[in-house]
C-alpha cells in the first residue's frame, strides 16, 4: 500500500526531524538521534536558526517536557501519568521518535498481558525440535530496545497484572534481562530507556509496587490550563486529522470548536467558565480534549457526507450526545439539566440548544 491511515511519528514528521538534525550542534547522549535541546524543540515547536518552522506536538507547560526529556537522558525510566485524553500516548510516541528515531517498540498493557510480552517468548516448534536455543527465542519489543539502544514504550502500565509489572524491576534497575533457560542474559546498550503511560481514572487498575514506582520518574500531564489553550489543541488536531482522513468538509469555524471545548470544560469542572453558574452536575464520561477532537471530527464527517460541507450546530449536537451520555439514565439527566440551565440561557447558542433538544 502506498498510503496508510496513520503514519508513525518518525514518518509523518521526518522532514522536521531531518531539519533539526541539520542545525543540532549540541551534545547528544549515546545513541540519541537529537540532543535534548532539539528533542524539546521538536515537541514544543518554533522557528529554527535557518528559518524552518517546527510544528508544536505538545501545547502546554514546557517545563514538563524538559523534565521528561531530561529523565530519558539519565538511567531512570519515565512514567507519563494523568487523566484520559491528556496526550500521554501522543507525547510518548513523539519522545521515542525524536530520541530513537523509532516509536514502534510498543507493548500494549491489558489485563491479559503476560510476562512473555514484556520479556521474551518461544517458538514452540523450534523448542520441541531442538530444545531451548537462541533460534527458538522470540524477543519482545523490550528486548529489541535493549539490544539496539532505543526506547521501549509501555501503554497503560496499570492495566497489567501486578505480578507481571514486577518483571520490569530488574530491567529498570540492572538494565539486564536474564534468560535462565539459556544461561545467558540481554544487557541494555546506551540509549535504552522505557516510557510508560498510566491512566489515573481507569477502574480496576493494578497499583504499582513501591519498588517499581521508585524506578520511574513520574510526570503528571494535566488537562489544558485554559479554554484558549484547549481550543488551540483541538483546532490543530482536527485540522491534521481532517487532512489525513480526507473529510469532504470545510475546516470548522472557531466558534463551533470554542463551544464544544467550553461545554466539555464546564461539565468537567462543575461550573460555567464565567463562574456565574455553579454546581453543574458532571456526567460519568471523562470529557477529555481527545473526545472534543472526536466530536468535531464526527461533525465534519456528517457535514461533509450528509450536509453542505459546513459544520453546523446539528452536526455538533450529534457528537455531543454520544460523548456526554455514556450512562443512558444518569448522564441523560445531567445533560438535559445543563441544556436547560446553561445552554438555553445563552442568546448566541439558541441554534445549538434547539439541535441538542431535537436529538434527545
Protein backbone atom coordinates (compact mmCIF):
# COMPACT_ATOMS: atom_id res chain seq x y z
CA UNK A 1 0.00 0.00 0.00
CA UNK A 2 1.29 3.44 -0.94
CA UNK A 3 -0.55 5.08 1.96
CA UNK A 4 -1.52 4.17 5.49
CA UNK A 5 -4.29 5.64 7.60
CA UNK A 6 -1.87 6.86 10.27
CA UNK A 7 1.89 7.13 9.91
CA UNK A 8 4.27 6.69 12.83
CA UNK A 9 5.56 9.98 14.20
CA UNK A 10 9.04 9.48 12.75
CA UNK A 11 7.47 9.04 9.29
CA UNK A 12 4.89 11.80 9.49
CA UNK A 13 7.37 14.37 10.78
CA UNK A 14 10.50 13.09 9.01
CA UNK A 15 11.14 16.49 7.41
CA UNK A 16 11.10 18.25 10.78
CA UNK A 17 13.37 15.67 12.39
CA UNK A 18 15.80 15.99 9.49
CA UNK A 19 15.79 19.78 9.72
CA UNK A 20 16.51 19.60 13.44
CA UNK A 21 19.40 17.19 12.89
CA UNK A 22 21.00 19.63 10.45
CA UNK A 23 21.05 22.53 12.90
CA UNK A 24 21.60 20.48 16.06
CA UNK A 25 25.18 21.03 17.18
CA UNK A 26 24.63 20.39 20.88
CA UNK A 27 25.86 17.36 22.85
CA UNK A 28 23.80 14.20 22.36
CA UNK A 29 23.57 11.30 24.79
CA UNK A 30 24.80 7.99 23.31
CA UNK A 31 22.57 6.63 20.52
CA UNK A 32 20.25 9.65 20.58
CA UNK A 33 19.23 10.98 17.18
CA UNK A 34 18.91 14.52 18.56
CA UNK A 35 20.25 16.43 21.54
CA UNK A 36 17.89 17.06 24.46
CA UNK A 37 17.58 20.68 23.29
CA UNK A 38 16.48 19.56 19.82
CA UNK A 39 14.05 16.99 21.24
CA UNK A 40 12.39 19.78 23.23
CA UNK A 41 12.26 21.96 20.11
CA UNK A 42 10.59 19.11 18.25
CA UNK A 43 7.95 18.73 20.98
CA UNK A 44 7.21 22.39 21.65
CA UNK A 45 7.71 23.74 18.12
CA UNK A 46 9.26 27.02 16.97
CA UNK A 47 11.41 28.59 14.29
CA UNK A 48 14.94 27.22 13.80
CA UNK A 49 18.01 29.33 13.09
CA UNK A 50 17.72 28.52 9.37
CA UNK A 51 14.11 29.74 9.25
CA UNK A 52 12.49 26.30 9.27
CA UNK A 53 9.23 26.12 11.23
CA UNK A 54 8.78 23.13 13.54
CA UNK A 55 5.17 22.39 14.48
CA UNK A 56 4.18 22.04 18.13
CA UNK A 57 3.42 18.47 19.19
CA UNK A 58 2.59 19.38 22.79
CA UNK A 59 0.75 22.55 23.76
CA UNK A 60 1.23 23.18 27.44
CA UNK A 61 3.85 23.81 30.11
CA UNK A 62 7.31 23.40 28.51
CA UNK A 63 8.83 22.60 31.90
CA UNK A 64 7.01 19.26 31.93
CA UNK A 65 8.61 18.34 28.61
CA UNK A 66 12.02 19.48 29.87
CA UNK A 67 11.66 17.12 32.84
CA UNK A 68 10.54 14.27 30.58
CA UNK A 69 13.46 14.70 28.18
CA UNK A 70 15.98 15.10 31.00
CA UNK A 71 14.70 11.90 32.62
CA UNK A 72 15.42 9.93 29.46
CA UNK A 73 18.98 11.27 29.48
CA UNK A 74 19.53 9.58 32.87
CA UNK A 75 19.20 5.95 33.93
CA UNK A 76 15.61 6.48 35.11
CA UNK A 77 12.52 5.32 33.26
CA UNK A 78 9.74 7.81 32.56
CA UNK A 79 6.10 7.41 33.62
CA UNK A 80 3.57 9.76 32.00
CA UNK A 81 0.58 9.87 34.32
CA UNK A 82 -2.78 11.62 34.18
CA UNK A 83 -6.45 11.56 33.31
CA UNK A 84 -7.56 10.18 29.93
CA UNK A 85 -7.04 12.42 26.95
CA UNK A 86 -4.07 14.42 28.25
CA UNK A 87 -1.77 13.35 25.37
CA UNK A 88 0.22 10.73 27.31
CA UNK A 89 0.46 8.29 24.40
CA UNK A 90 0.99 11.15 21.96
CA UNK A 91 3.93 12.53 23.98
CA UNK A 92 5.36 9.02 24.45
CA UNK A 93 5.32 8.38 20.72
CA UNK A 94 6.93 11.70 19.82
CA UNK A 95 9.59 11.41 22.51
CA UNK A 96 10.54 7.99 21.14
CA UNK A 97 10.56 9.27 17.56
CA UNK A 98 12.83 12.21 18.41
CA UNK A 99 15.21 10.33 20.71
CA UNK A 100 15.44 6.94 18.97
CA UNK A 101 14.02 7.59 15.52
CA UNK A 102 11.70 4.65 16.19
CA UNK A 103 8.40 4.75 18.09
CA UNK A 104 7.29 1.22 17.20
CA UNK A 105 8.80 -0.75 20.11
CA UNK A 106 5.46 -0.81 21.84
CA UNK A 107 3.88 -3.08 24.46
CA UNK A 108 0.15 -2.57 24.96
CA UNK A 109 -0.82 -3.15 28.57
CA UNK A 110 -4.04 -5.06 29.22
CA UNK A 111 -5.41 -7.36 31.91
CA UNK A 112 -4.18 -10.23 29.72
CA UNK A 113 -0.60 -9.01 29.24
CA UNK A 114 1.78 -11.82 30.17
CA UNK A 115 5.43 -11.96 31.21
CA UNK A 116 6.35 -13.23 27.73
CA UNK A 117 5.10 -9.99 26.17
CA UNK A 118 7.37 -7.98 28.45
CA UNK A 119 10.34 -10.37 28.38
CA UNK A 120 10.53 -12.98 25.62
CA UNK A 121 8.61 -15.95 24.26
CA UNK A 122 9.41 -19.19 22.46
CA UNK A 123 8.85 -20.66 19.03
CA UNK A 124 7.42 -23.95 20.24
CA UNK A 125 8.12 -25.81 17.00
CA UNK A 126 11.82 -24.94 17.35
CA UNK A 127 11.69 -25.59 21.07
CA UNK A 128 10.28 -29.10 20.65
CA UNK A 129 12.60 -29.96 17.77
CA UNK A 130 15.88 -28.60 19.11
CA UNK A 131 15.31 -27.59 22.73
CA UNK A 132 15.99 -24.13 24.18
CA UNK A 133 18.22 -22.10 21.85
CA UNK A 134 18.71 -18.62 20.55
CA UNK A 135 16.81 -19.53 17.39
CA UNK A 136 13.78 -20.66 19.39
CA UNK A 137 13.64 -17.47 21.46
CA UNK A 138 11.22 -14.73 20.34
CA UNK A 139 12.38 -11.34 21.62
CA UNK A 140 9.85 -8.83 22.95
CA UNK A 141 9.91 -5.13 21.99
CA UNK A 142 11.65 -4.62 25.35
CA UNK A 143 14.49 -6.96 24.38
CA UNK A 144 14.83 -5.33 20.96
CA UNK A 145 15.03 -1.89 22.55
CA UNK A 146 17.71 -3.11 24.98
CA UNK A 147 19.82 -4.60 22.20
CA UNK A 148 19.51 -1.59 19.87
CA UNK A 149 19.76 1.18 22.46
CA UNK A 150 16.29 2.54 21.79
CA UNK A 151 13.18 3.42 23.80
CA UNK A 152 10.58 0.80 24.69
CA UNK A 153 7.06 2.09 25.21
CA UNK A 154 4.50 0.53 27.56
CA UNK A 155 0.92 1.74 27.18
CA UNK A 156 -1.44 1.58 30.17
CA UNK A 157 1.06 0.13 32.63
CA UNK A 158 -1.51 -0.06 35.42
CA UNK A 159 -3.73 -2.33 33.34
CA UNK A 160 -1.05 -5.03 33.51
CA UNK A 161 -1.37 -7.51 36.43
CA UNK A 162 0.87 -6.57 39.36
CA UNK A 163 2.98 -9.75 39.26
CA UNK A 164 3.71 -9.14 35.57
CA UNK A 165 4.56 -5.49 36.20
CA UNK A 166 7.28 -6.52 38.63
CA UNK A 167 9.19 -8.35 35.89
CA UNK A 168 10.31 -4.84 34.89
CA UNK A 169 12.20 -4.23 38.13
CA UNK A 170 15.42 -5.99 37.06
CA UNK A 171 15.28 -4.41 33.61
CA UNK A 172 14.89 -0.90 35.03
CA UNK A 173 17.40 -1.23 37.87
CA UNK A 174 20.09 -3.53 36.42
CA UNK A 175 19.48 -2.81 32.70
CA UNK A 176 19.63 -6.58 32.30
CA UNK A 177 17.12 -9.24 31.36
CA UNK A 178 18.19 -12.75 32.44
CA UNK A 179 17.39 -15.75 30.22
CA UNK A 180 17.80 -18.64 32.69
CA UNK A 181 16.75 -21.25 30.11
CA UNK A 182 19.87 -20.43 28.09
CA UNK A 183 22.13 -19.45 30.97
CA UNK A 184 22.60 -16.00 29.47
CA UNK A 185 21.15 -12.51 29.61
CA UNK A 186 20.34 -9.48 27.49
CA UNK A 187 22.23 -6.39 28.55
CA UNK A 188 20.98 -2.97 27.50
CA UNK A 189 23.26 -0.77 25.42
CA UNK A 190 23.42 3.04 25.81
CA UNK A 191 20.31 4.82 24.62
CA UNK A 192 17.90 2.28 26.08
CA UNK A 193 15.09 3.57 28.25
CA UNK A 194 11.42 2.93 28.98
CA UNK A 195 8.46 5.29 28.67
CA UNK A 196 5.26 4.06 30.32
CA UNK A 197 1.84 5.67 30.44
CA UNK A 198 -0.82 5.23 33.11
CA UNK A 199 -4.39 6.44 33.49
CA UNK A 200 -5.38 7.55 36.98
CA UNK A 201 -9.12 7.24 36.35
CA UNK A 202 -9.27 3.72 34.99
CA UNK A 203 -11.38 1.49 37.21
CA UNK A 204 -9.85 -1.78 38.37
CA UNK A 205 -6.25 -0.68 37.91
CA UNK A 206 -3.34 -2.54 39.41
CA UNK A 207 -1.39 -0.28 41.74
CA UNK A 208 2.34 -0.14 41.02
CA UNK A 209 4.51 -1.68 43.72
CA UNK A 210 6.71 0.71 45.69
CA UNK A 211 9.78 -0.97 44.19
CA UNK A 212 8.56 -0.29 40.66
CA UNK A 213 7.45 3.27 41.44
CA UNK A 214 10.96 4.11 42.64
CA UNK A 215 12.38 3.17 39.26
CA UNK A 216 10.20 5.63 37.38
CA UNK A 217 10.35 9.38 37.32
CA UNK A 218 6.70 10.43 37.11
CA UNK A 219 5.50 13.39 35.06
CA UNK A 220 1.84 14.23 35.52
CA UNK A 221 0.28 15.63 32.35
CA UNK A 222 -2.60 17.95 33.30
CA UNK A 223 -5.70 18.91 31.36
CA UNK A 224 -5.19 22.16 29.39
CA UNK A 225 -4.90 25.08 31.79
CA UNK A 226 -7.19 27.48 29.91
CA UNK A 227 -10.01 27.38 27.39
CA UNK A 228 -7.87 29.15 24.80
CA UNK A 229 -5.14 26.55 25.16
CA UNK A 230 -7.61 23.70 24.76
CA UNK A 231 -9.21 25.38 21.73
CA UNK A 232 -5.76 25.68 20.16
CA UNK A 233 -5.07 21.97 20.71
CA UNK A 234 -8.45 20.87 19.33
CA UNK A 235 -8.20 23.14 16.29
CA UNK A 236 -4.72 21.89 15.45
CA UNK A 237 -5.53 18.19 15.79
CA UNK A 238 -8.87 18.48 13.96
CA UNK A 239 -7.13 20.16 11.03
CA UNK A 240 -4.44 17.47 10.91
CA UNK A 241 -6.89 14.58 11.20
CA UNK A 242 -9.29 16.12 8.69
CA UNK A 243 -6.50 16.13 6.10
CA UNK A 244 -5.42 12.58 6.97
CA UNK A 245 -8.99 11.25 6.79
CA UNK A 246 -9.74 13.35 3.68
CA UNK A 247 -13.04 14.55 5.14
CA UNK A 248 -15.04 16.44 2.46
CA UNK A 249 -15.89 19.32 4.76
CA UNK A 250 -14.55 22.81 5.35
CA UNK A 251 -12.31 23.30 8.40
CA UNK A 252 -14.60 24.00 11.38
CA UNK A 253 -15.35 27.57 12.35
CA UNK A 254 -13.56 28.65 15.51
CA UNK A 255 -16.94 29.39 17.10
CA UNK A 256 -18.00 25.73 16.93
CA UNK A 257 -14.69 24.48 18.34
CA UNK A 258 -14.90 27.00 21.16
CA UNK A 259 -18.45 25.97 22.04
CA UNK A 260 -17.56 22.27 22.23
CA UNK A 261 -14.49 22.97 24.36
CA UNK A 262 -16.47 25.28 26.66
CA UNK A 263 -19.19 22.65 27.17
CA UNK A 264 -16.61 20.00 28.00
CA UNK A 265 -14.75 22.23 30.43
CA UNK A 266 -17.92 23.32 32.22
CA UNK A 267 -19.22 19.78 32.61
CA UNK A 268 -15.77 18.61 33.79
CA UNK A 269 -15.33 21.42 36.30
CA UNK A 270 -18.92 21.57 37.57
CA UNK A 271 -19.35 25.28 36.87
CA UNK A 272 -19.57 27.69 33.96
CA UNK A 273 -16.41 29.32 32.63
CA UNK A 274 -17.59 32.76 33.78
CA UNK A 275 -18.28 31.39 37.27
CA UNK A 276 -21.86 32.68 37.29
CA UNK A 277 -23.49 29.25 37.37
CA UNK A 278 -22.01 26.88 39.92
CA UNK A 279 -22.89 23.34 40.95
CA UNK A 280 -23.33 21.96 37.46
CA UNK A 281 -23.59 18.19 37.70
CA UNK A 282 -20.82 16.28 35.95
CA UNK A 283 -21.54 13.20 33.80
CA UNK A 284 -19.79 9.87 34.17
CA UNK A 285 -17.83 10.46 30.94
CA UNK A 286 -14.29 11.84 31.15
CA UNK A 287 -14.89 14.54 28.51
CA UNK A 288 -11.23 14.88 27.64
CA UNK A 289 -9.59 17.02 24.97
CA UNK A 290 -9.25 13.90 22.83
CA UNK A 291 -13.03 13.40 22.98
CA UNK A 292 -13.62 17.03 22.00
CA UNK A 293 -11.49 16.38 18.92
CA UNK A 294 -13.61 13.32 18.13
CA UNK A 295 -16.84 15.33 18.45
CA UNK A 296 -15.62 17.90 15.92
CA UNK A 297 -14.30 15.22 13.55
CA UNK A 298 -17.61 13.36 13.75
CA UNK A 299 -19.46 16.57 12.98
CA UNK A 300 -17.22 17.27 10.00
CA UNK A 301 -17.91 13.79 8.63
CA UNK A 302 -21.67 14.39 8.97
CA UNK A 303 -21.42 17.81 7.34
CA UNK A 304 -19.20 16.56 4.52
CA UNK A 305 -21.08 13.40 3.63
CA UNK A 306 -24.69 14.28 4.53
CA UNK A 307 -24.72 18.08 4.55
CA UNK A 308 -23.36 21.04 2.64
CA UNK A 309 -19.79 20.66 3.89
CA UNK A 310 -20.13 23.34 6.56
CA UNK A 311 -20.08 22.26 10.22
CA UNK A 312 -23.29 23.41 11.86
CA UNK A 313 -24.95 23.13 15.26
CA UNK A 314 -26.87 20.00 14.28
CA UNK A 315 -23.67 18.19 13.33
CA UNK A 316 -22.01 19.18 16.60
CA UNK A 317 -25.06 18.17 18.65
CA UNK A 318 -24.91 14.60 17.33
CA UNK A 319 -21.32 14.20 18.52
CA UNK A 320 -22.01 15.86 21.88
CA UNK A 321 -24.84 13.47 22.64
CA UNK A 322 -22.64 10.41 22.14
CA UNK A 323 -19.71 11.91 24.07
CA UNK A 324 -21.64 13.09 27.13
CA UNK A 325 -24.27 10.38 27.58
CA UNK A 326 -22.43 7.16 28.40
CA UNK A 327 -24.92 6.11 31.08
CA UNK A 328 -28.37 6.38 29.42
CA UNK A 329 -30.10 7.19 32.71
CA UNK A 330 -27.73 9.21 34.89
CA UNK A 331 -25.93 11.11 32.13
CA UNK A 332 -29.15 11.90 30.25
CA UNK A 333 -30.45 13.73 33.34
CA UNK A 334 -27.18 15.67 33.70
CA UNK A 335 -27.19 16.65 30.01
CA UNK A 336 -30.83 17.80 30.00
CA UNK A 337 -30.25 19.90 33.11
CA UNK A 338 -27.16 21.51 31.58
CA UNK A 339 -29.06 22.31 28.38
CA UNK A 340 -31.91 23.97 30.28
CA UNK A 341 -29.87 25.90 32.86
CA UNK A 342 -26.84 26.91 30.80
CA UNK A 343 -27.11 26.43 27.03
CA UNK A 344 -30.69 27.75 26.76
CA UNK A 345 -29.77 30.96 28.58
CA UNK A 346 -27.05 31.93 26.09
CA UNK A 347 -28.58 34.07 23.35
CA UNK A 348 -25.92 33.16 20.78
CA UNK A 349 -26.31 29.41 21.48
CA UNK A 350 -30.00 29.11 20.53
CA UNK A 351 -29.18 27.06 17.42
CA UNK A 352 -27.13 24.58 19.45
CA UNK A 353 -29.82 24.35 22.12
CA UNK A 354 -32.52 23.52 19.57
CA UNK A 355 -30.29 20.98 17.81
CA UNK A 356 -29.45 19.22 21.08
CA UNK A 357 -33.07 19.15 22.23
CA UNK A 358 -34.20 17.67 18.91
CA UNK A 359 -31.82 14.74 19.31
CA UNK A 360 -32.73 13.79 22.88
